[in-house]
Amino acid sequence: MALQTIVSRNVNVVDTAVISVGAIQGGSFVSANVMPSEIRIGGTARSLTASVRDLIERRINELADNLATAFGCTAHVEYSRGGIPLVNHDEQIKRAIKAADEVVGSTNVNKNREPLMGGEDFAFMLLKRPGAFIFMGINDETVFNKLHSPDYNFNDDAIPFGVAYWISLVQQELNN
């Protein structure tokens, strides 16, 4: 729970950050009454700016050290920065929106999507070349689960829309 105070107490309210713990490992169910000599915690920390990423890393180290000391233990933090924020390029997102408008109609295209905290390798490509990362509205919440959910099921009915989108985008580029 102490990790959640980093975002709630240290990150400026106009900035965005998320810290998630996805794994806790220690001890054995065979001898559940024996205190483990080591406990490991794993997770992710994400933000949209380098300064907030620096703050999060510093505070995680401080909290780990101080909480461990308070309980007569030691802590070791291995913090690796694997991902970076994905930031679309203006001209390429305009082209992507135009292609989507042509395929599904302007009223069906969300042109004002808020920044997302998901980790995506495509962000590294955008450091080298201009581009745009888009989502296609393939999700029916009553039938399909979100990406990266263990129950995710791709909606095959969306394939024709995806193909039409890419054809529209290529035609647009060829006409330029």
N, C-alpha and C. Protein backbone atom coordinates (compact mmCIF):
# COMPACT_ATOMS: atom_id res chain seq x y z
N MET A 1 0.82 -1.20 0.00
CA MET A 1 0.00 0.00 0.00
C MET A 1 0.86 1.27 0.00
N ALA A 2 2.04 1.18 0.58
CA ALA A 2 2.89 2.37 0.63
C ALA A 2 3.24 2.88 -0.76
N LEU A 3 3.36 1.98 -1.72
CA LEU A 3 3.69 2.41 -3.08
C LEU A 3 2.63 3.34 -3.65
N GLN A 4 1.38 3.13 -3.29
CA GLN A 4 0.31 3.98 -3.82
C GLN A 4 0.42 5.42 -3.33
N THR A 5 1.10 5.63 -2.21
CA THR A 5 1.27 7.00 -1.73
C THR A 5 2.20 7.81 -2.62
N ILE A 6 3.01 7.15 -3.41
CA ILE A 6 3.90 7.89 -4.32
C ILE A 6 3.06 8.71 -5.29
N VAL A 7 2.07 8.07 -5.91
CA VAL A 7 1.22 8.79 -6.86
C VAL A 7 0.32 9.78 -6.13
N SER A 8 -0.30 9.35 -5.03
CA SER A 8 -1.27 10.22 -4.36
C SER A 8 -0.64 11.38 -3.61
N ARG A 9 0.60 11.24 -3.15
CA ARG A 9 1.21 12.29 -2.33
C ARG A 9 2.41 12.99 -2.96
N ASN A 10 3.02 12.40 -3.99
CA ASN A 10 4.24 12.97 -4.54
C ASN A 10 4.14 13.44 -5.98
N VAL A 11 3.20 12.90 -6.74
CA VAL A 11 3.06 13.28 -8.15
C VAL A 11 2.06 14.42 -8.25
N ASN A 12 2.44 15.47 -8.95
CA ASN A 12 1.57 16.61 -9.17
C ASN A 12 0.25 16.14 -9.77
N VAL A 13 -0.86 16.72 -9.32
CA VAL A 13 -2.18 16.26 -9.78
C VAL A 13 -2.39 16.47 -11.27
N VAL A 14 -1.66 17.36 -11.92
CA VAL A 14 -1.83 17.55 -13.36
C VAL A 14 -0.98 16.57 -14.17
N ASP A 15 -0.07 15.87 -13.51
CA ASP A 15 0.70 14.82 -14.17
C ASP A 15 -0.03 13.49 -14.00
N THR A 16 0.37 12.52 -14.77
CA THR A 16 -0.27 11.21 -14.72
C THR A 16 0.78 10.16 -14.38
N ALA A 17 0.41 9.25 -13.50
CA ALA A 17 1.31 8.16 -13.14
C ALA A 17 0.48 6.99 -12.63
N VAL A 18 1.04 5.81 -12.77
CA VAL A 18 0.41 4.61 -12.21
C VAL A 18 1.52 3.67 -11.74
N ILE A 19 1.30 3.08 -10.58
CA ILE A 19 2.20 2.05 -10.05
C ILE A 19 1.33 0.83 -9.77
N SER A 20 1.69 -0.29 -10.36
CA SER A 20 0.91 -1.52 -10.18
C SER A 20 1.82 -2.64 -9.71
N VAL A 21 1.40 -3.36 -8.69
CA VAL A 21 2.10 -4.55 -8.24
C VAL A 21 1.36 -5.75 -8.81
N GLY A 22 2.05 -6.52 -9.62
CA GLY A 22 1.42 -7.67 -10.28
C GLY A 22 1.91 -9.01 -9.78
N ALA A 23 2.95 -9.00 -8.91
CA ALA A 23 3.48 -10.27 -8.42
C ALA A 23 4.07 -10.09 -7.02
N ILE A 24 3.73 -11.01 -6.14
CA ILE A 24 4.33 -11.08 -4.80
C ILE A 24 4.67 -12.55 -4.57
N GLN A 25 5.92 -12.79 -4.19
CA GLN A 25 6.38 -14.17 -4.06
C GLN A 25 7.22 -14.30 -2.79
N GLY A 26 6.91 -15.29 -1.97
CA GLY A 26 7.70 -15.55 -0.78
C GLY A 26 7.10 -16.68 0.04
N GLY A 27 7.94 -17.41 0.69
CA GLY A 27 7.46 -18.49 1.54
C GLY A 27 6.99 -19.70 0.77
N SER A 28 6.36 -20.62 1.52
CA SER A 28 5.90 -21.88 0.94
C SER A 28 4.60 -22.30 1.61
N PHE A 29 3.68 -22.81 0.83
CA PHE A 29 2.44 -23.32 1.40
C PHE A 29 2.65 -24.66 2.10
N VAL A 30 3.78 -25.30 1.82
CA VAL A 30 4.10 -26.56 2.50
C VAL A 30 4.37 -26.29 3.98
N SER A 31 5.04 -25.17 4.26
CA SER A 31 5.32 -24.79 5.65
C SER A 31 4.94 -23.33 5.84
N ALA A 32 3.65 -23.08 5.83
CA ALA A 32 3.14 -21.71 5.86
C ALA A 32 3.41 -21.00 7.19
N ASN A 33 3.81 -21.73 8.23
CA ASN A 33 4.11 -21.09 9.52
C ASN A 33 5.55 -20.59 9.61
N VAL A 34 6.38 -20.87 8.60
CA VAL A 34 7.78 -20.44 8.60
C VAL A 34 7.90 -19.13 7.84
N MET A 35 8.50 -18.15 8.49
CA MET A 35 8.70 -16.85 7.84
C MET A 35 9.74 -16.99 6.73
N PRO A 36 9.47 -16.48 5.56
CA PRO A 36 10.43 -16.60 4.45
C PRO A 36 11.65 -15.71 4.68
N SER A 37 12.78 -16.14 4.17
CA SER A 37 13.99 -15.32 4.28
C SER A 37 14.00 -14.21 3.24
N GLU A 38 13.16 -14.35 2.24
CA GLU A 38 13.12 -13.35 1.17
C GLU A 38 11.70 -13.27 0.62
N ILE A 39 11.29 -12.06 0.31
CA ILE A 39 10.03 -11.83 -0.39
C ILE A 39 10.34 -10.95 -1.59
N ARG A 40 9.77 -11.31 -2.72
CA ARG A 40 9.98 -10.54 -3.95
C ARG A 40 8.66 -9.92 -4.39
N ILE A 41 8.74 -8.68 -4.82
CA ILE A 41 7.58 -7.95 -5.31
C ILE A 41 7.93 -7.44 -6.70
N GLY A 42 7.02 -7.61 -7.64
CA GLY A 42 7.25 -7.13 -9.00
C GLY A 42 6.06 -6.36 -9.52
N GLY A 43 6.34 -5.42 -10.38
CA GLY A 43 5.25 -4.63 -10.95
C GLY A 43 5.73 -3.67 -12.01
N THR A 44 4.90 -2.70 -12.29
CA THR A 44 5.24 -1.68 -13.29
C THR A 44 4.96 -0.30 -12.74
N ALA A 45 5.69 0.66 -13.26
CA ALA A 45 5.46 2.07 -12.96
C ALA A 45 5.47 2.81 -14.29
N ARG A 46 4.45 3.62 -14.49
CA ARG A 46 4.33 4.32 -15.77
C ARG A 46 3.97 5.77 -15.55
N SER A 47 4.47 6.61 -16.44
CA SER A 47 4.13 8.03 -16.43
C SER A 47 4.37 8.59 -17.82
N LEU A 48 3.95 9.81 -18.02
CA LEU A 48 4.10 10.42 -19.33
C LEU A 48 5.34 11.30 -19.45
N THR A 49 6.01 11.59 -18.33
CA THR A 49 7.18 12.47 -18.38
C THR A 49 8.38 11.84 -17.68
N ALA A 50 9.56 12.22 -18.13
CA ALA A 50 10.81 11.71 -17.55
C ALA A 50 10.95 12.15 -16.09
N SER A 51 10.54 13.37 -15.77
CA SER A 51 10.70 13.86 -14.40
C SER A 51 9.85 13.05 -13.42
N VAL A 52 8.66 12.65 -13.82
CA VAL A 52 7.82 11.82 -12.94
C VAL A 52 8.41 10.42 -12.84
N ARG A 53 8.95 9.89 -13.93
CA ARG A 53 9.60 8.57 -13.86
C ARG A 53 10.79 8.61 -12.89
N ASP A 54 11.56 9.70 -12.92
CA ASP A 54 12.68 9.85 -11.98
C ASP A 54 12.16 9.89 -10.54
N LEU A 55 11.11 10.64 -10.31
CA LEU A 55 10.51 10.75 -8.97
C LEU A 55 10.03 9.39 -8.48
N ILE A 56 9.34 8.66 -9.32
CA ILE A 56 8.81 7.34 -8.93
C ILE A 56 9.95 6.40 -8.54
N GLU A 57 10.99 6.35 -9.36
CA GLU A 57 12.12 5.46 -9.05
C GLU A 57 12.77 5.84 -7.72
N ARG A 58 12.99 7.13 -7.51
CA ARG A 58 13.61 7.60 -6.26
C ARG A 58 12.75 7.24 -5.06
N ARG A 59 11.44 7.48 -5.15
CA ARG A 59 10.54 7.22 -4.02
C ARG A 59 10.38 5.73 -3.74
N ILE A 60 10.38 4.90 -4.78
CA ILE A 60 10.31 3.45 -4.55
C ILE A 60 11.53 2.99 -3.75
N ASN A 61 12.71 3.47 -4.12
CA ASN A 61 13.93 3.12 -3.38
C ASN A 61 13.86 3.62 -1.94
N GLU A 62 13.42 4.86 -1.74
CA GLU A 62 13.32 5.41 -0.39
C GLU A 62 12.32 4.63 0.46
N LEU A 63 11.15 4.34 -0.08
CA LEU A 63 10.15 3.58 0.67
C LEU A 63 10.65 2.19 1.01
N ALA A 64 11.25 1.51 0.05
CA ALA A 64 11.75 0.15 0.30
C ALA A 64 12.79 0.16 1.42
N ASP A 65 13.74 1.08 1.35
CA ASP A 65 14.78 1.16 2.38
C ASP A 65 14.19 1.49 3.75
N ASN A 66 13.33 2.50 3.80
CA ASN A 66 12.79 2.95 5.09
C ASN A 66 11.84 1.93 5.71
N LEU A 67 10.99 1.30 4.92
CA LEU A 67 10.09 0.28 5.47
C LEU A 67 10.86 -0.95 5.92
N ALA A 68 11.84 -1.36 5.15
CA ALA A 68 12.66 -2.51 5.56
C ALA A 68 13.37 -2.22 6.87
N THR A 69 13.97 -1.05 6.99
CA THR A 69 14.66 -0.66 8.22
C THR A 69 13.70 -0.65 9.41
N ALA A 70 12.50 -0.15 9.21
CA ALA A 70 11.50 -0.08 10.29
C ALA A 70 11.16 -1.47 10.84
N PHE A 71 11.29 -2.50 10.03
CA PHE A 71 10.97 -3.85 10.46
C PHE A 71 12.21 -4.72 10.67
N GLY A 72 13.40 -4.08 10.72
CA GLY A 72 14.63 -4.81 10.96
C GLY A 72 15.07 -5.68 9.79
N CYS A 73 14.74 -5.26 8.61
CA CYS A 73 15.08 -6.02 7.41
C CYS A 73 15.92 -5.16 6.47
N THR A 74 16.29 -5.73 5.36
CA THR A 74 16.97 -4.96 4.32
C THR A 74 16.16 -5.08 3.03
N ALA A 75 16.37 -4.12 2.15
CA ALA A 75 15.66 -4.13 0.87
C ALA A 75 16.65 -3.89 -0.25
N HIS A 76 16.38 -4.50 -1.38
CA HIS A 76 17.17 -4.28 -2.59
C HIS A 76 16.18 -4.07 -3.73
N VAL A 77 16.28 -2.93 -4.39
CA VAL A 77 15.37 -2.61 -5.49
C VAL A 77 16.10 -2.76 -6.81
N GLU A 78 15.52 -3.53 -7.71
CA GLU A 78 16.00 -3.62 -9.09
C GLU A 78 14.95 -2.93 -9.95
N TYR A 79 15.26 -1.73 -10.35
CA TYR A 79 14.30 -0.92 -11.10
C TYR A 79 14.82 -0.76 -12.52
N SER A 80 14.13 -1.34 -13.47
CA SER A 80 14.57 -1.20 -14.86
C SER A 80 13.54 -0.41 -15.64
N ARG A 81 14.03 0.47 -16.47
CA ARG A 81 13.15 1.29 -17.30
C ARG A 81 13.05 0.64 -18.67
N GLY A 82 12.02 -0.15 -18.84
CA GLY A 82 11.86 -0.86 -20.09
C GLY A 82 11.12 -0.08 -21.14
N GLY A 83 10.07 0.58 -20.75
CA GLY A 83 9.22 1.26 -21.72
C GLY A 83 9.29 2.77 -21.60
N ILE A 84 8.79 3.43 -22.61
CA ILE A 84 8.72 4.89 -22.63
C ILE A 84 7.31 5.28 -23.06
N PRO A 85 6.91 6.50 -22.79
CA PRO A 85 5.58 6.93 -23.24
C PRO A 85 5.48 6.93 -24.76
N LEU A 86 4.33 6.56 -25.25
CA LEU A 86 4.08 6.55 -26.69
C LEU A 86 3.41 7.88 -27.05
N VAL A 87 4.08 8.65 -27.89
CA VAL A 87 3.56 9.96 -28.29
C VAL A 87 3.45 9.99 -29.81
N ASN A 88 2.21 10.10 -30.30
CA ASN A 88 1.97 10.16 -31.74
C ASN A 88 2.48 11.47 -32.32
N HIS A 89 2.78 11.46 -33.61
CA HIS A 89 3.16 12.67 -34.33
C HIS A 89 1.92 13.29 -34.95
N ASP A 90 1.84 14.62 -34.89
CA ASP A 90 0.63 15.34 -35.30
C ASP A 90 0.20 15.05 -36.73
N GLU A 91 1.12 15.15 -37.68
CA GLU A 91 0.75 14.96 -39.08
C GLU A 91 0.26 13.53 -39.34
N GLN A 92 0.93 12.56 -38.73
CA GLN A 92 0.55 11.16 -38.96
C GLN A 92 -0.79 10.83 -38.31
N ILE A 93 -1.08 11.43 -37.17
CA ILE A 93 -2.37 11.15 -36.54
C ILE A 93 -3.50 11.80 -37.35
N LYS A 94 -3.22 12.96 -37.98
CA LYS A 94 -4.23 13.57 -38.86
C LYS A 94 -4.55 12.64 -40.03
N ARG A 95 -3.52 12.03 -40.59
CA ARG A 95 -3.72 11.10 -41.71
C ARG A 95 -4.49 9.86 -41.25
N ALA A 96 -4.15 9.37 -40.08
CA ALA A 96 -4.84 8.19 -39.54
C ALA A 96 -6.31 8.49 -39.31
N ILE A 97 -6.60 9.67 -38.77
CA ILE A 97 -8.00 10.06 -38.54
C ILE A 97 -8.75 10.18 -39.85
N LYS A 98 -8.11 10.77 -40.85
CA LYS A 98 -8.76 10.91 -42.16
C LYS A 98 -9.11 9.54 -42.74
N ALA A 99 -8.19 8.59 -42.65
CA ALA A 99 -8.46 7.24 -43.17
C ALA A 99 -9.59 6.57 -42.39
N ALA A 100 -9.58 6.72 -41.08
CA ALA A 100 -10.64 6.12 -40.27
C ALA A 100 -11.99 6.76 -40.57
N ASP A 101 -12.01 8.09 -40.73
CA ASP A 101 -13.25 8.79 -41.10
C ASP A 101 -13.84 8.22 -42.38
N GLU A 102 -12.98 7.95 -43.36
CA GLU A 102 -13.44 7.43 -44.65
C GLU A 102 -14.04 6.03 -44.52
N VAL A 103 -13.53 5.25 -43.58
CA VAL A 103 -13.98 3.86 -43.45
C VAL A 103 -15.25 3.74 -42.61
N VAL A 104 -15.29 4.41 -41.46
CA VAL A 104 -16.41 4.21 -40.54
C VAL A 104 -17.25 5.46 -40.31
N GLY A 105 -16.87 6.57 -40.91
CA GLY A 105 -17.60 7.82 -40.71
C GLY A 105 -17.06 8.60 -39.54
N SER A 106 -17.04 9.90 -39.69
CA SER A 106 -16.43 10.80 -38.71
C SER A 106 -17.02 10.65 -37.30
N THR A 107 -18.31 10.42 -37.21
CA THR A 107 -18.94 10.32 -35.88
C THR A 107 -18.51 9.07 -35.12
N ASN A 108 -17.91 8.12 -35.80
CA ASN A 108 -17.46 6.88 -35.16
C ASN A 108 -15.98 6.88 -34.85
N VAL A 109 -15.32 8.02 -35.01
CA VAL A 109 -13.88 8.11 -34.76
C VAL A 109 -13.64 9.04 -33.57
N ASN A 110 -12.98 8.52 -32.54
CA ASN A 110 -12.64 9.31 -31.36
C ASN A 110 -11.36 10.09 -31.67
N LYS A 111 -11.51 11.38 -31.89
CA LYS A 111 -10.37 12.23 -32.29
C LYS A 111 -9.68 12.88 -31.09
N ASN A 112 -10.23 12.72 -29.92
CA ASN A 112 -9.70 13.39 -28.73
C ASN A 112 -9.37 12.38 -27.64
N ARG A 113 -8.73 11.32 -28.00
CA ARG A 113 -8.39 10.27 -27.04
C ARG A 113 -7.39 10.79 -26.02
N GLU A 114 -7.67 10.56 -24.76
CA GLU A 114 -6.75 10.95 -23.70
C GLU A 114 -5.50 10.07 -23.75
N PRO A 115 -4.36 10.57 -23.28
CA PRO A 115 -3.15 9.73 -23.24
C PRO A 115 -3.40 8.48 -22.40
N LEU A 116 -2.80 7.39 -22.82
CA LEU A 116 -2.95 6.12 -22.12
C LEU A 116 -1.63 5.74 -21.47
N MET A 117 -1.70 4.95 -20.41
CA MET A 117 -0.51 4.56 -19.67
C MET A 117 0.02 3.18 -20.07
N GLY A 118 -0.55 2.58 -21.06
CA GLY A 118 -0.10 1.25 -21.47
C GLY A 118 1.33 1.24 -21.97
N GLY A 119 2.02 0.15 -21.75
CA GLY A 119 3.37 -0.01 -22.28
C GLY A 119 3.30 -0.56 -23.69
N GLU A 120 4.01 0.04 -24.60
CA GLU A 120 3.93 -0.38 -26.00
C GLU A 120 5.29 -0.16 -26.67
N ASP A 121 5.84 -1.22 -27.26
CA ASP A 121 7.14 -1.13 -27.94
C ASP A 121 7.13 -0.17 -29.12
N PHE A 122 5.97 0.08 -29.70
CA PHE A 122 5.86 0.99 -30.84
C PHE A 122 6.40 2.38 -30.48
N ALA A 123 6.40 2.73 -29.19
CA ALA A 123 6.93 4.02 -28.76
C ALA A 123 8.38 4.20 -29.18
N PHE A 124 9.17 3.12 -29.16
CA PHE A 124 10.57 3.21 -29.57
C PHE A 124 10.69 3.50 -31.06
N MET A 125 9.79 2.95 -31.85
CA MET A 125 9.79 3.23 -33.29
C MET A 125 9.49 4.71 -33.55
N LEU A 126 8.59 5.27 -32.76
CA LEU A 126 8.22 6.67 -32.94
C LEU A 126 9.35 7.63 -32.58
N LEU A 127 10.35 7.15 -31.86
CA LEU A 127 11.53 7.99 -31.60
C LEU A 127 12.38 8.14 -32.86
N LYS A 128 12.29 7.16 -33.76
CA LYS A 128 13.13 7.14 -34.96
C LYS A 128 12.41 7.65 -36.21
N ARG A 129 11.10 7.43 -36.27
CA ARG A 129 10.32 7.80 -37.46
C ARG A 129 8.96 8.34 -37.02
N PRO A 130 8.42 9.30 -37.79
CA PRO A 130 7.08 9.79 -37.46
C PRO A 130 6.04 8.69 -37.69
N GLY A 131 5.03 8.67 -36.85
CA GLY A 131 3.99 7.66 -36.99
C GLY A 131 2.83 7.94 -36.05
N ALA A 132 1.86 7.03 -36.09
CA ALA A 132 0.68 7.14 -35.24
C ALA A 132 0.25 5.75 -34.80
N PHE A 133 -0.05 5.62 -33.55
CA PHE A 133 -0.55 4.39 -32.97
C PHE A 133 -2.04 4.59 -32.74
N ILE A 134 -2.85 3.69 -33.28
CA ILE A 134 -4.30 3.85 -33.15
C ILE A 134 -4.93 2.61 -32.54
N PHE A 135 -6.12 2.78 -32.01
CA PHE A 135 -6.94 1.67 -31.57
C PHE A 135 -8.13 1.56 -32.51
N MET A 136 -8.47 0.35 -32.85
CA MET A 136 -9.70 0.12 -33.62
C MET A 136 -10.75 -0.36 -32.64
N GLY A 137 -11.94 0.20 -32.74
CA GLY A 137 -13.01 -0.15 -31.81
C GLY A 137 -13.58 -1.53 -32.09
N ILE A 138 -12.84 -2.55 -31.71
CA ILE A 138 -13.27 -3.92 -31.99
C ILE A 138 -13.92 -4.56 -30.78
N ASN A 139 -14.02 -3.84 -29.70
CA ASN A 139 -14.41 -4.46 -28.44
C ASN A 139 -15.88 -4.27 -28.14
N ASP A 140 -16.58 -5.35 -27.99
CA ASP A 140 -17.94 -5.36 -27.48
C ASP A 140 -17.82 -5.82 -26.03
N GLU A 141 -17.98 -4.91 -25.09
CA GLU A 141 -17.75 -5.21 -23.67
C GLU A 141 -18.61 -6.37 -23.17
N THR A 142 -19.73 -6.65 -23.82
CA THR A 142 -20.58 -7.74 -23.36
C THR A 142 -20.04 -9.11 -23.77
N VAL A 143 -19.16 -9.14 -24.76
CA VAL A 143 -18.65 -10.41 -25.27
C VAL A 143 -17.13 -10.52 -25.14
N PHE A 144 -16.43 -9.43 -25.38
CA PHE A 144 -14.97 -9.46 -25.45
C PHE A 144 -14.36 -8.72 -24.26
N ASN A 145 -13.23 -9.22 -23.79
CA ASN A 145 -12.52 -8.59 -22.69
C ASN A 145 -11.39 -7.71 -23.22
N LYS A 146 -10.88 -6.86 -22.36
CA LYS A 146 -9.84 -5.91 -22.74
C LYS A 146 -8.54 -6.62 -23.11
N LEU A 147 -7.71 -5.89 -23.89
CA LEU A 147 -6.38 -6.40 -24.23
C LEU A 147 -5.62 -6.77 -22.96
N HIS A 148 -4.76 -7.72 -23.05
CA HIS A 148 -3.90 -8.19 -21.96
C HIS A 148 -4.70 -8.80 -20.81
N SER A 149 -5.96 -9.05 -21.02
CA SER A 149 -6.77 -9.78 -20.05
C SER A 149 -6.61 -11.26 -20.36
N PRO A 150 -6.60 -12.12 -19.34
CA PRO A 150 -6.47 -13.55 -19.63
C PRO A 150 -7.65 -14.10 -20.43
N ASP A 151 -8.76 -13.38 -20.46
CA ASP A 151 -9.95 -13.82 -21.19
C ASP A 151 -10.14 -13.09 -22.51
N TYR A 152 -9.11 -12.35 -22.98
CA TYR A 152 -9.25 -11.59 -24.22
C TYR A 152 -9.58 -12.51 -25.39
N ASN A 153 -10.51 -12.08 -26.23
CA ASN A 153 -10.92 -12.85 -27.40
C ASN A 153 -11.09 -11.86 -28.55
N PHE A 154 -10.23 -11.96 -29.56
CA PHE A 154 -10.28 -11.04 -30.69
C PHE A 154 -11.61 -11.15 -31.42
N ASN A 155 -12.17 -10.02 -31.80
CA ASN A 155 -13.43 -9.97 -32.54
C ASN A 155 -13.13 -10.06 -34.04
N ASP A 156 -13.28 -11.24 -34.60
CA ASP A 156 -12.98 -11.46 -36.02
C ASP A 156 -13.82 -10.60 -36.95
N ASP A 157 -14.99 -10.15 -36.49
CA ASP A 157 -15.85 -9.30 -37.33
C ASP A 157 -15.20 -7.94 -37.62
N ALA A 158 -14.16 -7.60 -36.89
CA ALA A 158 -13.49 -6.31 -37.09
C ALA A 158 -12.46 -6.35 -38.22
N ILE A 159 -12.10 -7.53 -38.69
CA ILE A 159 -11.05 -7.65 -39.70
C ILE A 159 -11.35 -6.83 -40.96
N PRO A 160 -12.56 -6.89 -41.53
CA PRO A 160 -12.81 -6.08 -42.73
C PRO A 160 -12.61 -4.58 -42.51
N PHE A 161 -12.94 -4.08 -41.32
CA PHE A 161 -12.73 -2.67 -41.02
C PHE A 161 -11.24 -2.34 -40.96
N GLY A 162 -10.47 -3.24 -40.37
CA GLY A 162 -9.02 -3.04 -40.31
C GLY A 162 -8.39 -3.03 -41.68
N VAL A 163 -8.80 -3.96 -42.52
CA VAL A 163 -8.27 -4.01 -43.90
C VAL A 163 -8.65 -2.75 -44.65
N ALA A 164 -9.92 -2.33 -44.54
CA ALA A 164 -10.38 -1.12 -45.24
C ALA A 164 -9.63 0.12 -44.75
N TYR A 165 -9.33 0.17 -43.45
CA TYR A 165 -8.57 1.30 -42.90
C TYR A 165 -7.19 1.37 -43.55
N TRP A 166 -6.48 0.24 -43.59
CA TRP A 166 -5.13 0.25 -44.15
C TRP A 166 -5.14 0.57 -45.64
N ILE A 167 -6.13 0.08 -46.36
CA ILE A 167 -6.25 0.42 -47.78
C ILE A 167 -6.46 1.92 -47.94
N SER A 168 -7.33 2.50 -47.12
CA SER A 168 -7.60 3.94 -47.18
C SER A 168 -6.34 4.74 -46.88
N LEU A 169 -5.59 4.31 -45.89
CA LEU A 169 -4.36 5.01 -45.51
C LEU A 169 -3.32 4.94 -46.63
N VAL A 170 -3.16 3.77 -47.23
CA VAL A 170 -2.20 3.61 -48.33
C VAL A 170 -2.62 4.45 -49.53
N GLN A 171 -3.90 4.43 -49.88
CA GLN A 171 -4.39 5.24 -51.01
C GLN A 171 -4.14 6.72 -50.75
N GLN A 172 -4.36 7.14 -49.54
CA GLN A 172 -4.13 8.54 -49.16
C GLN A 172 -2.66 8.91 -49.37
N GLU A 173 -1.77 8.03 -48.96
CA GLU A 173 -0.33 8.29 -49.10
C GLU A 173 0.09 8.29 -50.56
N LEU A 174 -0.46 7.37 -51.34
CA LEU A 174 -0.12 7.31 -52.76
C LEU A 174 -0.60 8.55 -53.51
N ASN A 175 -1.71 9.12 -53.08
CA ASN A 175 -2.25 10.32 -53.72
C ASN A 175 -1.47 11.58 -53.35
N ASN A 176 -0.69 11.50 -52.28
CA ASN A 176 0.11 12.67 -51.88
C ASN A 176 1.35 12.67 -52.71
